[in-house]
């Protein structure tokens, strides 16, 4: 193995200060790329369901007086 201890992995001969934040930022960006569309999709589905409920409520309440 290249490193003999966990401490050496974290420090990486002085480069760990630059490497680990770069990994962290990359992981956060990748997570955002996957999570943002899911949240947008859920928000859209909720909005459409709410509009369908409102539209069905109007149709049902509007047709009660008719034979």
C-alpha atoms as a PDB file:
ATOM      1  CA  UNK A   1       0.000   0.000   0.000  1.00  0.00           C
ATOM      2  CA  UNK A   2       1.234   3.493  -0.774  1.00  0.00           C
ATOM      3  CA  UNK A   3       0.368   4.974   2.618  1.00  0.00           C
ATOM      4  CA  UNK A   4       1.337   3.386   5.927  1.00  0.00           C
ATOM      5  CA  UNK A   5      -1.317   5.022   8.097  1.00  0.00           C
ATOM      6  CA  UNK A   6      -4.615   6.881   7.960  1.00  0.00           C
ATOM      7  CA  UNK A   7      -2.811  10.067   8.973  1.00  0.00           C
ATOM      8  CA  UNK A   8      -0.615   9.840   5.862  1.00  0.00           C
ATOM      9  CA  UNK A   9      -3.704   9.345   3.696  1.00  0.00           C
ATOM     10  CA  UNK A  10      -5.291  12.485   5.129  1.00  0.00           C
ATOM     11  CA  UNK A  11      -2.131  14.594   4.827  1.00  0.00           C
ATOM     12  CA  UNK A  12      -0.926  13.187   1.469  1.00  0.00           C
ATOM     13  CA  UNK A  13       2.540  14.722   1.792  1.00  0.00           C
ATOM     14  CA  UNK A  14       1.039  18.179   2.299  1.00  0.00           C
ATOM     15  CA  UNK A  15      -1.400  17.936  -0.611  1.00  0.00           C
ATOM     16  CA  UNK A  16      -4.341  16.648   1.434  1.00  0.00           C
ATOM     17  CA  UNK A  17      -5.414  20.233   2.143  1.00  0.00           C
ATOM     18  CA  UNK A  18      -6.185  20.610  -1.562  1.00  0.00           C
ATOM     19  CA  UNK A  19      -7.213  17.073  -2.479  1.00  0.00           C
ATOM     20  CA  UNK A  20      -9.886  16.320   0.150  1.00  0.00           C
ATOM     21  CA  UNK A  21     -11.868  19.553  -0.306  1.00  0.00           C
ATOM     22  CA  UNK A  22     -11.770  18.946  -4.072  1.00  0.00           C
ATOM     23  CA  UNK A  23     -13.233  15.476  -3.531  1.00  0.00           C
ATOM     24  CA  UNK A  24     -15.861  16.882  -1.172  1.00  0.00           C
ATOM     25  CA  UNK A  25     -16.924  19.614  -3.590  1.00  0.00           C
ATOM     26  CA  UNK A  26     -17.087  17.097  -6.443  1.00  0.00           C
ATOM     27  CA  UNK A  27     -19.260  14.718  -4.429  1.00  0.00           C
ATOM     28  CA  UNK A  28     -21.599  17.549  -3.399  1.00  0.00           C
ATOM     29  CA  UNK A  29     -21.995  18.697  -6.995  1.00  0.00           C
ATOM     30  CA  UNK A  30     -22.703  15.163  -8.209  1.00  0.00           C
ATOM     31  CA  UNK A  31     -25.301  14.726  -5.458  1.00  0.00           C
ATOM     32  CA  UNK A  32     -26.944  18.014  -6.436  1.00  0.00           C
ATOM     33  CA  UNK A  33     -27.058  16.912 -10.088  1.00  0.00           C
ATOM     34  CA  UNK A  34     -28.961  13.782  -9.085  1.00  0.00           C
ATOM     35  CA  UNK A  35     -31.183  15.260  -6.353  1.00  0.00           C
ATOM     36  CA  UNK A  36     -32.342  18.483  -8.057  1.00  0.00           C
ATOM     37  CA  UNK A  37     -34.329  16.761 -10.845  1.00  0.00           C
ATOM     38  CA  UNK A  38     -35.955  14.407  -8.337  1.00  0.00           C
ATOM     39  CA  UNK A  39     -37.093  17.318  -6.190  1.00  0.00           C
ATOM     40  CA  UNK A  40     -38.302  19.210  -9.267  1.00  0.00           C
ATOM     41  CA  UNK A  41     -40.236  16.141 -10.440  1.00  0.00           C
ATOM     42  CA  UNK A  42     -41.876  15.649  -7.038  1.00  0.00           C
ATOM     43  CA  UNK A  43     -42.828  19.320  -6.914  1.00  0.00           C
ATOM     44  CA  UNK A  44     -44.347  19.106 -10.403  1.00  0.00           C
ATOM     45  CA  UNK A  45     -46.299  15.950  -9.549  1.00  0.00           C
ATOM     46  CA  UNK A  46     -47.661  17.569  -6.396  1.00  0.00           C
ATOM     47  CA  UNK A  47     -48.696  20.651  -8.354  1.00  0.00           C
ATOM     48  CA  UNK A  48     -50.422  18.593 -11.069  1.00  0.00           C
ATOM     49  CA  UNK A  49     -52.240  16.457  -8.481  1.00  0.00           C
ATOM     50  CA  UNK A  50     -53.449  19.608  -6.746  1.00  0.00           C
ATOM     51  CA  UNK A  51     -54.707  21.059 -10.035  1.00  0.00           C
ATOM     52  CA  UNK A  52     -56.495  17.791 -10.867  1.00  0.00           C
ATOM     53  CA  UNK A  53     -58.188  17.794  -7.444  1.00  0.00           C
ATOM     54  CA  UNK A  54     -59.305  21.382  -7.954  1.00  0.00           C
ATOM     55  CA  UNK A  55     -60.589  20.615 -11.473  1.00  0.00           C
ATOM     56  CA  UNK A  56     -62.469  17.529 -10.281  1.00  0.00           C
ATOM     57  CA  UNK A  57     -63.980  19.521  -7.432  1.00  0.00           C
ATOM     58  CA  UNK A  58     -65.322  22.109  -9.872  1.00  0.00           C
ATOM     59  CA  UNK A  59     -66.806  19.459 -12.169  1.00  0.00           C
ATOM     60  CA  UNK A  60     -68.493  17.573  -9.318  1.00  0.00           C
ATOM     61  CA  UNK A  61     -69.864  20.680  -7.591  1.00  0.00           C
ATOM     62  CA  UNK A  62     -70.981  22.171 -10.911  1.00  0.00           C
ATOM     63  CA  UNK A  63     -72.903  19.077 -11.977  1.00  0.00           C
ATOM     64  CA  UNK A  64     -74.885  18.535  -8.745  1.00  0.00           C
ATOM     65  CA  UNK A  65     -77.758  20.809  -9.744  1.00  0.00           C
ATOM     66  CA  UNK A  66     -78.182  19.259 -13.183  1.00  0.00           C
ATOM     67  CA  UNK A  67     -80.419  16.190 -13.732  1.00  0.00           C
END
